[in-house]
Amino acid sequence: MMEIKDVLTHVVDQLKAHSASPRLDAEILLAHVLMKNRSFLYAHADAELTQAQWQTYQRLIAQRIEGVPIAYLTGVREFWSLPLKVCEDTLIPRPETELLVELTLSLLADKTQANILDLGTGSGAIALACASERPCWQITACDCSQGAIQTAEENAARLNLTNVFFYHSDWFENITTQSFFDAIVANPPYIAVNDPHLSEGDVRFEPQLALVSGDDGLTAIKHIIKHSLARLKPGGLLLLEHGFDQKSKVTSMLKDYGYLEIQCWQDWQGNDRVSGGRRIIS
């Protein structure tokens, strides 16, 4: 059988025409097959793969060549330094979404206790990141996908985060708690139905329900802006992730519905990514 170093050389050549990061992909998938971390591949470069390991690895590489995202092949994606299970019922958490967590923590820094609602939680990324940083906060999270909720609950259990409560709900529909929320956060679908990017890259394999929102990509965002007013405490905060080119429309909707202190924040790449405001105090 081939040694690890030779396997990687061979597979990197296979992936070059199909991935922007062939070496990284090859290493992540081989480490996954061997149930080791990537440093093992360098420390034991002369170790040989078994026939079973080689066959498993080849199956994963074939799927990667077809475009299946690495996170779906390994079943794991790191978010906010938390290892999260992901599956085809959930979006793959992305680094830019960590901005929602940063803003929630910083804008509610004076809250020792708080009630937070995460709409469209998917794998639970935003809710669990907040829960890991603020164990005294009570966090409610919902998703319209039962598979996503099951995945999020598994992640919470694995991380031993007990201050998150999950609901199978189409936005606010089944949120039975009578509490008002200090903050509502969401990474909703915000891609237009005819956007050509839907046929490219990882999003080809991700759940369309979590990506697409009407002809202009703003149907879900408008729904959340409208209905959050009835669930926020006076002065409560609404934060929404959106597309890089949707700032003006989202902030205009926030203004139209009477939110105050409206702002837009940029992600680590300098793109307009999160807009929000506060419910009027009255």
C-alpha atoms as a PDB file:
ATOM      1  CA  MET A   1       0.000   0.000   0.000  1.00  0.00           C
ATOM      2  CA  MET A   2       0.983   3.641  -0.455  1.00  0.00           C
ATOM      3  CA  GLU A   3       2.544   5.728   2.282  1.00  0.00           C
ATOM      4  CA  ILE A   4       0.742   8.821   3.583  1.00  0.00           C
ATOM      5  CA  LYS A   5       3.102  11.247   1.842  1.00  0.00           C
ATOM      6  CA  ASP A   6       2.649   9.514  -1.501  1.00  0.00           C
ATOM      7  CA  VAL A   7      -1.116   9.256  -1.084  1.00  0.00           C
ATOM      8  CA  LEU A   8      -1.339  13.002  -0.474  1.00  0.00           C
ATOM      9  CA  THR A   9       0.832  13.825  -3.485  1.00  0.00           C
ATOM     10  CA  HIS A  10      -1.342  11.646  -5.703  1.00  0.00           C
ATOM     11  CA  VAL A  11      -4.651  13.000  -4.391  1.00  0.00           C
ATOM     12  CA  VAL A  12      -3.580  16.645  -4.495  1.00  0.00           C
ATOM     13  CA  ASP A  13      -2.931  16.174  -8.217  1.00  0.00           C
ATOM     14  CA  GLN A  14      -6.425  14.681  -8.596  1.00  0.00           C
ATOM     15  CA  LEU A  15      -8.038  17.633  -6.817  1.00  0.00           C
ATOM     16  CA  LYS A  16      -6.173  20.508  -8.464  1.00  0.00           C
ATOM     17  CA  ALA A  17      -8.751  20.942 -11.201  1.00  0.00           C
ATOM     18  CA  HIS A  18     -11.685  20.712  -8.799  1.00  0.00           C
ATOM     19  CA  SER A  19     -10.766  22.639  -5.642  1.00  0.00           C
ATOM     20  CA  ALA A  20      -9.276  25.997  -4.733  1.00  0.00           C
ATOM     21  CA  SER A  21      -7.466  24.309  -1.832  1.00  0.00           C
ATOM     22  CA  PRO A  22      -6.473  20.822  -3.008  1.00  0.00           C
ATOM     23  CA  ARG A  23      -3.769  20.217  -0.392  1.00  0.00           C
ATOM     24  CA  LEU A  24      -5.994  21.290   2.483  1.00  0.00           C
ATOM     25  CA  ASP A  25      -8.900  19.206   1.201  1.00  0.00           C
ATOM     26  CA  ALA A  26      -6.676  16.143   0.791  1.00  0.00           C
ATOM     27  CA  GLU A  27      -5.276  16.491   4.303  1.00  0.00           C
ATOM     28  CA  ILE A  28      -8.635  17.101   6.013  1.00  0.00           C
ATOM     29  CA  LEU A  29     -10.222  14.087   4.363  1.00  0.00           C
ATOM     30  CA  LEU A  30      -7.282  11.772   5.030  1.00  0.00           C
ATOM     31  CA  ALA A  31      -7.120  12.853   8.674  1.00  0.00           C
ATOM     32  CA  HIS A  32     -10.854  12.166   8.876  1.00  0.00           C
ATOM     33  CA  VAL A  33     -10.432   8.647   7.462  1.00  0.00           C
ATOM     34  CA  LEU A  34      -7.560   7.906   9.850  1.00  0.00           C
ATOM     35  CA  MET A  35      -9.413   9.534  12.788  1.00  0.00           C
ATOM     36  CA  LYS A  36      -6.333  11.650  13.515  1.00  0.00           C
ATOM     37  CA  ASN A  37      -5.517  15.340  13.351  1.00  0.00           C
ATOM     38  CA  ARG A  38      -3.650  16.803  10.400  1.00  0.00           C
ATOM     39  CA  SER A  39      -0.347  17.002  12.285  1.00  0.00           C
ATOM     40  CA  PHE A  40      -0.344  13.186  12.369  1.00  0.00           C
ATOM     41  CA  LEU A  41       0.024  13.161   8.583  1.00  0.00           C
ATOM     42  CA  TYR A  42       3.358  14.954   8.849  1.00  0.00           C
ATOM     43  CA  ALA A  43       4.629  13.152  11.930  1.00  0.00           C
ATOM     44  CA  HIS A  44       3.863   9.762  10.340  1.00  0.00           C
ATOM     45  CA  ALA A  45       4.370  10.527   6.655  1.00  0.00           C
ATOM     46  CA  ASP A  46       5.902   7.083   6.050  1.00  0.00           C
ATOM     47  CA  ALA A  47       2.960   5.167   7.547  1.00  0.00           C
ATOM     48  CA  GLU A  48       1.008   3.044   5.090  1.00  0.00           C
ATOM     49  CA  LEU A  49      -2.748   3.061   4.610  1.00  0.00           C
ATOM     50  CA  THR A  50      -4.664  -0.179   4.881  1.00  0.00           C
ATOM     51  CA  GLN A  51      -6.712  -1.335   1.917  1.00  0.00           C
ATOM     52  CA  ALA A  52      -9.926  -0.367   3.718  1.00  0.00           C
ATOM     53  CA  GLN A  53      -8.605   3.112   4.551  1.00  0.00           C
ATOM     54  CA  TRP A  54      -7.505   3.650   0.954  1.00  0.00           C
ATOM     55  CA  GLN A  55     -10.909   2.618  -0.413  1.00  0.00           C
ATOM     56  CA  THR A  56     -12.761   4.868   2.030  1.00  0.00           C
ATOM     57  CA  TYR A  57     -10.472   7.755   1.165  1.00  0.00           C
ATOM     58  CA  GLN A  58     -10.966   7.248  -2.561  1.00  0.00           C
ATOM     59  CA  ARG A  59     -14.763   7.331  -2.142  1.00  0.00           C
ATOM     60  CA  LEU A  60     -14.508  10.662  -0.306  1.00  0.00           C
ATOM     61  CA  ILE A  61     -12.159  12.104  -2.904  1.00  0.00           C
ATOM     62  CA  ALA A  62     -14.532  11.084  -5.682  1.00  0.00           C
ATOM     63  CA  GLN A  63     -17.348  12.925  -3.919  1.00  0.00           C
ATOM     64  CA  ARG A  64     -15.140  15.971  -3.413  1.00  0.00           C
ATOM     65  CA  ILE A  65     -14.310  15.989  -7.126  1.00  0.00           C
ATOM     66  CA  GLU A  66     -18.068  16.089  -7.747  1.00  0.00           C
ATOM     67  CA  GLY A  67     -18.186  19.203  -5.566  1.00  0.00           C
ATOM     68  CA  VAL A  68     -19.618  17.861  -2.309  1.00  0.00           C
ATOM     69  CA  PRO A  69     -18.483  20.261   0.450  1.00  0.00           C
ATOM     70  CA  ILE A  70     -15.765  19.096   2.828  1.00  0.00           C
ATOM     71  CA  ALA A  71     -18.035  19.780   5.814  1.00  0.00           C
ATOM     72  CA  TYR A  72     -20.672  17.357   4.516  1.00  0.00           C
ATOM     73  CA  LEU A  73     -18.022  14.717   3.829  1.00  0.00           C
ATOM     74  CA  THR A  74     -16.585  14.913   7.345  1.00  0.00           C
ATOM     75  CA  GLY A  75     -19.868  15.818   9.038  1.00  0.00           C
ATOM     76  CA  VAL A  76     -18.185  18.576  11.045  1.00  0.00           C
ATOM     77  CA  ARG A  77     -17.574  22.324  10.723  1.00  0.00           C
ATOM     78  CA  GLU A  78     -15.899  24.560  13.292  1.00  0.00           C
ATOM     79  CA  PHE A  79     -17.708  27.755  14.256  1.00  0.00           C
ATOM     80  CA  TRP A  80     -16.633  30.095  17.043  1.00  0.00           C
ATOM     81  CA  SER A  81     -14.062  27.385  17.923  1.00  0.00           C
ATOM     82  CA  LEU A  82     -16.912  24.914  18.483  1.00  0.00           C
ATOM     83  CA  PRO A  83     -16.894  21.648  16.498  1.00  0.00           C
ATOM     84  CA  LEU A  84     -20.429  21.409  15.104  1.00  0.00           C
ATOM     85  CA  LYS A  85     -22.067  18.480  13.402  1.00  0.00           C
ATOM     86  CA  VAL A  86     -23.505  19.473  10.034  1.00  0.00           C
ATOM     87  CA  CYS A  87     -25.559  17.542   7.525  1.00  0.00           C
ATOM     88  CA  GLU A  88     -27.546  18.145   4.358  1.00  0.00           C
ATOM     89  CA  ASP A  89     -30.425  19.502   6.471  1.00  0.00           C
ATOM     90  CA  THR A  90     -28.259  22.410   7.621  1.00  0.00           C
ATOM     91  CA  LEU A  91     -26.302  25.209   6.057  1.00  0.00           C
ATOM     92  CA  ILE A  92     -22.561  25.011   6.519  1.00  0.00           C
ATOM     93  CA  PRO A  93     -21.668  27.739   9.073  1.00  0.00           C
ATOM     94  CA  ARG A  94     -19.432  30.414   7.583  1.00  0.00           C
ATOM     95  CA  PRO A  95     -16.842  32.684   9.205  1.00  0.00           C
ATOM     96  CA  GLU A  96     -18.723  35.883   8.325  1.00  0.00           C
ATOM     97  CA  THR A  97     -21.697  34.723  10.417  1.00  0.00           C
ATOM     98  CA  GLU A  98     -19.504  34.952  13.521  1.00  0.00           C
ATOM     99  CA  LEU A  99     -20.115  38.708  13.225  1.00  0.00           C
ATOM    100  CA  LEU A 100     -23.669  38.094  14.463  1.00  0.00           C
ATOM    101  CA  VAL A 101     -22.254  36.442  17.578  1.00  0.00           C
ATOM    102  CA  GLU A 102     -19.722  39.222  18.150  1.00  0.00           C
ATOM    103  CA  LEU A 103     -22.404  41.901  17.878  1.00  0.00           C
ATOM    104  CA  THR A 104     -24.864  40.088  20.127  1.00  0.00           C
ATOM    105  CA  LEU A 105     -22.236  39.697  22.836  1.00  0.00           C
ATOM    106  CA  SER A 106     -20.910  43.256  22.573  1.00  0.00           C
ATOM    107  CA  LEU A 107     -24.223  45.083  22.235  1.00  0.00           C
ATOM    108  CA  LEU A 108     -25.668  43.191  25.202  1.00  0.00           C
ATOM    109  CA  ALA A 109     -22.461  43.280  27.236  1.00  0.00           C
ATOM    110  CA  ASP A 110     -24.283  44.905  30.157  1.00  0.00           C
ATOM    111  CA  LYS A 111     -26.794  42.019  30.389  1.00  0.00           C
ATOM    112  CA  THR A 112     -25.882  39.467  33.039  1.00  0.00           C
ATOM    113  CA  GLN A 113     -29.097  37.677  32.146  1.00  0.00           C
ATOM    114  CA  ALA A 114     -30.863  37.941  28.827  1.00  0.00           C
ATOM    115  CA  ASN A 115     -33.436  36.190  26.651  1.00  0.00           C
ATOM    116  CA  ILE A 116     -32.202  35.688  23.095  1.00  0.00           C
ATOM    117  CA  LEU A 117     -34.034  34.253  20.078  1.00  0.00           C
ATOM    118  CA  ASP A 118     -32.108  32.727  17.157  1.00  0.00           C
ATOM    119  CA  LEU A 119     -34.363  32.352  14.116  1.00  0.00           C
ATOM    120  CA  GLY A 120     -33.456  29.707  11.540  1.00  0.00           C
ATOM    121  CA  THR A 121     -30.807  28.142  13.758  1.00  0.00           C
ATOM    122  CA  GLY A 122     -29.686  25.374  11.367  1.00  0.00           C
ATOM    123  CA  SER A 123     -26.890  23.472  13.110  1.00  0.00           C
ATOM    124  CA  GLY A 124     -27.319  25.755  16.132  1.00  0.00           C
ATOM    125  CA  ALA A 125     -24.160  27.725  15.359  1.00  0.00           C
ATOM    126  CA  ILE A 126     -25.220  31.207  16.507  1.00  0.00           C
ATOM    127  CA  ALA A 127     -27.258  30.023  19.486  1.00  0.00           C
ATOM    128  CA  LEU A 128     -24.573  27.647  20.744  1.00  0.00           C
ATOM    129  CA  ALA A 129     -21.780  30.178  20.286  1.00  0.00           C
ATOM    130  CA  CYS A 130     -23.718  32.710  22.377  1.00  0.00           C
ATOM    131  CA  ALA A 131     -24.588  30.038  24.944  1.00  0.00           C
ATOM    132  CA  SER A 132     -20.943  29.043  25.297  1.00  0.00           C
ATOM    133  CA  GLU A 133     -19.978  32.633  26.081  1.00  0.00           C
ATOM    134  CA  ARG A 134     -22.956  33.550  28.282  1.00  0.00           C
ATOM    135  CA  PRO A 135     -24.086  30.550  30.362  1.00  0.00           C
ATOM    136  CA  CYS A 136     -26.560  32.705  32.303  1.00  0.00           C
ATOM    137  CA  TRP A 137     -28.425  33.802  29.196  1.00  0.00           C
ATOM    138  CA  GLN A 138     -31.501  31.854  28.112  1.00  0.00           C
ATOM    139  CA  ILE A 139     -31.425  31.222  24.390  1.00  0.00           C
ATOM    140  CA  THR A 140     -34.345  30.035  22.282  1.00  0.00           C
ATOM    141  CA  ALA A 141     -33.590  28.704  18.807  1.00  0.00           C
ATOM    142  CA  CYS A 142     -35.917  27.545  16.055  1.00  0.00           C
ATOM    143  CA  ASP A 143     -35.864  26.130  12.555  1.00  0.00           C
ATOM    144  CA  CYS A 144     -38.537  24.936  10.147  1.00  0.00           C
ATOM    145  CA  SER A 145     -36.466  21.833   9.358  1.00  0.00           C
ATOM    146  CA  GLN A 146     -36.908  18.948  11.798  1.00  0.00           C
ATOM    147  CA  GLY A 147     -33.577  17.536  10.618  1.00  0.00           C
ATOM    148  CA  ALA A 148     -31.833  20.795  11.438  1.00  0.00           C
ATOM    149  CA  ILE A 149     -33.387  20.890  14.903  1.00  0.00           C
ATOM    150  CA  GLN A 150     -32.255  17.330  15.610  1.00  0.00           C
ATOM    151  CA  THR A 151     -28.736  18.233  14.510  1.00  0.00           C
ATOM    152  CA  ALA A 152     -28.700  21.380  16.656  1.00  0.00           C
ATOM    153  CA  GLU A 153     -29.916  19.422  19.687  1.00  0.00           C
ATOM    154  CA  GLU A 154     -27.158  16.860  19.153  1.00  0.00           C
ATOM    155  CA  ASN A 155     -24.599  19.660  19.020  1.00  0.00           C
ATOM    156  CA  ALA A 156     -25.917  21.199  22.232  1.00  0.00           C
ATOM    157  CA  ALA A 157     -25.782  17.852  24.005  1.00  0.00           C
ATOM    158  CA  ARG A 158     -22.259  17.089  22.767  1.00  0.00           C
ATOM    159  CA  LEU A 159     -21.055  20.523  23.926  1.00  0.00           C
ATOM    160  CA  ASN A 160     -22.973  20.235  27.217  1.00  0.00           C
ATOM    161  CA  LEU A 161     -24.722  23.552  26.637  1.00  0.00           C
ATOM    162  CA  THR A 162     -27.953  23.405  28.609  1.00  0.00           C
ATOM    163  CA  ASN A 163     -29.143  27.015  28.300  1.00  0.00           C
ATOM    164  CA  VAL A 164     -30.458  26.639  24.732  1.00  0.00           C
ATOM    165  CA  PHE A 165     -34.034  25.533  23.997  1.00  0.00           C
ATOM    166  CA  PHE A 166     -34.964  24.361  20.516  1.00  0.00           C
ATOM    167  CA  TYR A 167     -38.301  24.597  18.695  1.00  0.00           C
ATOM    168  CA  HIS A 168     -39.401  23.143  15.378  1.00  0.00           C
ATOM    169  CA  SER A 169     -40.999  26.316  14.069  1.00  0.00           C
ATOM    170  CA  ASP A 170     -41.511  28.313  10.894  1.00  0.00           C
ATOM    171  CA  TRP A 171     -40.073  31.566  12.246  1.00  0.00           C
ATOM    172  CA  PHE A 172     -42.265  32.669  15.189  1.00  0.00           C
ATOM    173  CA  GLU A 173     -45.133  30.235  14.577  1.00  0.00           C
ATOM    174  CA  ASN A 174     -44.400  27.683  17.340  1.00  0.00           C
ATOM    175  CA  ILE A 175     -42.417  29.853  19.747  1.00  0.00           C
ATOM    176  CA  THR A 176     -44.616  29.237  22.754  1.00  0.00           C
ATOM    177  CA  THR A 177     -42.605  31.090  25.367  1.00  0.00           C
ATOM    178  CA  GLN A 178     -44.443  34.136  26.669  1.00  0.00           C
ATOM    179  CA  SER A 179     -41.201  35.990  27.287  1.00  0.00           C
ATOM    180  CA  PHE A 180     -40.164  39.030  25.345  1.00  0.00           C
ATOM    181  CA  PHE A 181     -36.635  38.952  23.995  1.00  0.00           C
ATOM    182  CA  ASP A 182     -33.687  41.233  24.648  1.00  0.00           C
ATOM    183  CA  ALA A 183     -32.408  40.356  21.192  1.00  0.00           C
ATOM    184  CA  ILE A 184     -33.556  38.486  18.111  1.00  0.00           C
ATOM    185  CA  VAL A 185     -30.801  37.360  15.752  1.00  0.00           C
ATOM    186  CA  ALA A 186     -31.045  35.585  12.434  1.00  0.00           C
ATOM    187  CA  ASN A 187     -29.078  34.424   9.443  1.00  0.00           C
ATOM    188  CA  PRO A 188     -32.139  33.940   7.231  1.00  0.00           C
ATOM    189  CA  PRO A 189     -32.266  32.946   3.571  1.00  0.00           C
ATOM    190  CA  TYR A 190     -31.426  36.027   1.519  1.00  0.00           C
ATOM    191  CA  ILE A 191     -30.595  34.833  -1.992  1.00  0.00           C
ATOM    192  CA  ALA A 192     -32.936  35.626  -4.895  1.00  0.00           C
ATOM    193  CA  VAL A 193     -34.545  32.594  -6.503  1.00  0.00           C
ATOM    194  CA  ASN A 194     -32.879  33.218  -9.877  1.00  0.00           C
ATOM    195  CA  ASP A 195     -29.418  34.081  -8.552  1.00  0.00           C
ATOM    196  CA  PRO A 196     -26.858  32.294 -10.795  1.00  0.00           C
ATOM    197  CA  HIS A 197     -24.585  31.634  -7.793  1.00  0.00           C
ATOM    198  CA  LEU A 198     -27.033  28.953  -6.645  1.00  0.00           C
ATOM    199  CA  SER A 199     -25.555  26.654  -9.284  1.00  0.00           C
ATOM    200  CA  GLU A 200     -21.981  27.191  -8.141  1.00  0.00           C
ATOM    201  CA  GLY A 201     -19.782  25.887  -5.338  1.00  0.00           C
ATOM    202  CA  ASP A 202     -20.975  24.510  -2.015  1.00  0.00           C
ATOM    203  CA  VAL A 203     -24.454  26.047  -2.212  1.00  0.00           C
ATOM    204  CA  ARG A 204     -25.399  23.495  -4.893  1.00  0.00           C
ATOM    205  CA  PHE A 205     -25.504  20.910  -2.106  1.00  0.00           C
ATOM    206  CA  GLU A 206     -26.974  23.008   0.704  1.00  0.00           C
ATOM    207  CA  PRO A 207     -30.717  23.128   1.520  1.00  0.00           C
ATOM    208  CA  GLN A 208     -32.377  25.622  -0.815  1.00  0.00           C
ATOM    209  CA  LEU A 209     -34.978  26.396   1.860  1.00  0.00           C
ATOM    210  CA  ALA A 210     -32.194  27.926   3.952  1.00  0.00           C
ATOM    211  CA  LEU A 211     -30.761  29.918   1.048  1.00  0.00           C
ATOM    212  CA  VAL A 212     -33.541  31.240  -1.189  1.00  0.00           C
ATOM    213  CA  SER A 213     -36.125  33.846  -0.242  1.00  0.00           C
ATOM    214  CA  GLY A 214     -38.358  35.119  -3.011  1.00  0.00           C
ATOM    215  CA  ASP A 215     -37.630  37.028  -6.197  1.00  0.00           C
ATOM    216  CA  ASP A 216     -35.386  39.593  -4.493  1.00  0.00           C
ATOM    217  CA  GLY A 217     -34.011  37.509  -1.605  1.00  0.00           C
ATOM    218  CA  LEU A 218     -35.729  39.718   0.965  1.00  0.00           C
ATOM    219  CA  THR A 219     -39.002  37.910   1.728  1.00  0.00           C
ATOM    220  CA  ALA A 220     -37.765  36.280   4.947  1.00  0.00           C
ATOM    221  CA  ILE A 221     -35.950  39.395   6.110  1.00  0.00           C
ATOM    222  CA  LYS A 222     -39.079  41.528   5.705  1.00  0.00           C
ATOM    223  CA  HIS A 223     -41.150  38.946   7.601  1.00  0.00           C
ATOM    224  CA  ILE A 224     -38.685  38.919  10.485  1.00  0.00           C
ATOM    225  CA  ILE A 225     -38.436  42.709  10.656  1.00  0.00           C
ATOM    226  CA  LYS A 226     -42.223  43.026  10.743  1.00  0.00           C
ATOM    227  CA  HIS A 227     -42.990  40.327  13.285  1.00  0.00           C
ATOM    228  CA  SER A 228     -40.031  40.835  15.628  1.00  0.00           C
ATOM    229  CA  LEU A 229     -41.648  44.012  16.942  1.00  0.00           C
ATOM    230  CA  ALA A 230     -44.249  41.952  18.802  1.00  0.00           C
ATOM    231  CA  ARG A 231     -41.582  39.733  20.426  1.00  0.00           C
ATOM    232  CA  LEU A 232     -38.887  42.228  21.408  1.00  0.00           C
ATOM    233  CA  LYS A 233     -38.733  44.012  24.717  1.00  0.00           C
ATOM    234  CA  PRO A 234     -38.874  47.817  24.473  1.00  0.00           C
ATOM    235  CA  GLY A 235     -35.382  48.767  23.372  1.00  0.00           C
ATOM    236  CA  GLY A 236     -34.756  45.175  22.291  1.00  0.00           C
ATOM    237  CA  LEU A 237     -32.250  44.498  19.536  1.00  0.00           C
ATOM    238  CA  LEU A 238     -32.807  42.925  16.112  1.00  0.00           C
ATOM    239  CA  LEU A 239     -29.745  41.749  14.145  1.00  0.00           C
ATOM    240  CA  LEU A 240     -29.981  40.286  10.639  1.00  0.00           C
ATOM    241  CA  GLU A 241     -27.325  38.866   8.354  1.00  0.00           C
ATOM    242  CA  HIS A 242     -27.876  39.756   4.693  1.00  0.00           C
ATOM    243  CA  GLY A 243     -26.196  39.891   1.307  1.00  0.00           C
ATOM    244  CA  PHE A 244     -23.323  42.299   0.650  1.00  0.00           C
ATOM    245  CA  ASP A 245     -25.535  44.370  -1.664  1.00  0.00           C
ATOM    246  CA  GLN A 246     -28.703  44.437   0.454  1.00  0.00           C
ATOM    247  CA  LYS A 247     -27.750  47.032   3.079  1.00  0.00           C
ATOM    248  CA  SER A 248     -29.853  49.901   1.750  1.00  0.00           C
ATOM    249  CA  LYS A 249     -33.001  47.819   1.340  1.00  0.00           C
ATOM    250  CA  VAL A 250     -32.693  46.167   4.752  1.00  0.00           C
ATOM    251  CA  THR A 251     -31.967  49.388   6.623  1.00  0.00           C
ATOM    252  CA  SER A 252     -34.862  51.078   4.784  1.00  0.00           C
ATOM    253  CA  MET A 253     -37.218  48.309   5.937  1.00  0.00           C
ATOM    254  CA  LEU A 254     -35.995  48.699   9.508  1.00  0.00           C
ATOM    255  CA  LYS A 255     -36.713  52.429   9.291  1.00  0.00           C
ATOM    256  CA  ASP A 256     -40.133  51.866   7.726  1.00  0.00           C
ATOM    257  CA  TYR A 257     -41.145  49.619  10.638  1.00  0.00           C
ATOM    258  CA  GLY A 258     -40.017  52.158  13.222  1.00  0.00           C
ATOM    259  CA  TYR A 259     -36.775  50.681  14.499  1.00  0.00           C
ATOM    260  CA  LEU A 260     -34.283  53.061  16.063  1.00  0.00           C
ATOM    261  CA  GLU A 261     -30.467  53.181  16.234  1.00  0.00           C
ATOM    262  CA  ILE A 262     -30.259  51.472  12.840  1.00  0.00           C
ATOM    263  CA  GLN A 263     -26.753  50.440  11.825  1.00  0.00           C
ATOM    264  CA  CYS A 264     -24.937  48.199   9.380  1.00  0.00           C
ATOM    265  CA  TRP A 265     -21.739  46.347  10.208  1.00  0.00           C
ATOM    266  CA  GLN A 266     -19.136  44.907   7.856  1.00  0.00           C
ATOM    267  CA  ASP A 267     -17.705  41.402   7.983  1.00  0.00           C
ATOM    268  CA  TRP A 268     -14.012  40.498   8.083  1.00  0.00           C
ATOM    269  CA  GLN A 269     -13.815  40.881   4.299  1.00  0.00           C
ATOM    270  CA  GLY A 270     -15.135  44.441   4.401  1.00  0.00           C
ATOM    271  CA  ASN A 271     -18.589  43.562   3.034  1.00  0.00           C
ATOM    272  CA  ASP A 272     -21.816  44.949   4.464  1.00  0.00           C
ATOM    273  CA  ARG A 273     -23.098  41.870   6.279  1.00  0.00           C
ATOM    274  CA  VAL A 274     -25.305  42.578   9.319  1.00  0.00           C
ATOM    275  CA  SER A 275     -27.903  45.288   9.825  1.00  0.00           C
ATOM    276  CA  GLY A 276     -29.971  45.919  12.901  1.00  0.00           C
ATOM    277  CA  GLY A 277     -31.893  48.285  15.075  1.00  0.00           C
ATOM    278  CA  ARG A 278     -33.846  48.533  18.296  1.00  0.00           C
ATOM    279  CA  ARG A 279     -37.535  48.457  19.034  1.00  0.00           C
ATOM    280  CA  ILE A 280     -38.802  51.832  20.134  1.00  0.00           C
ATOM    281  CA  ILE A 281     -39.108  52.312  23.898  1.00  0.00           C
ATOM    282  CA  SER A 282     -42.706  53.272  24.671  1.00  0.00           C
END
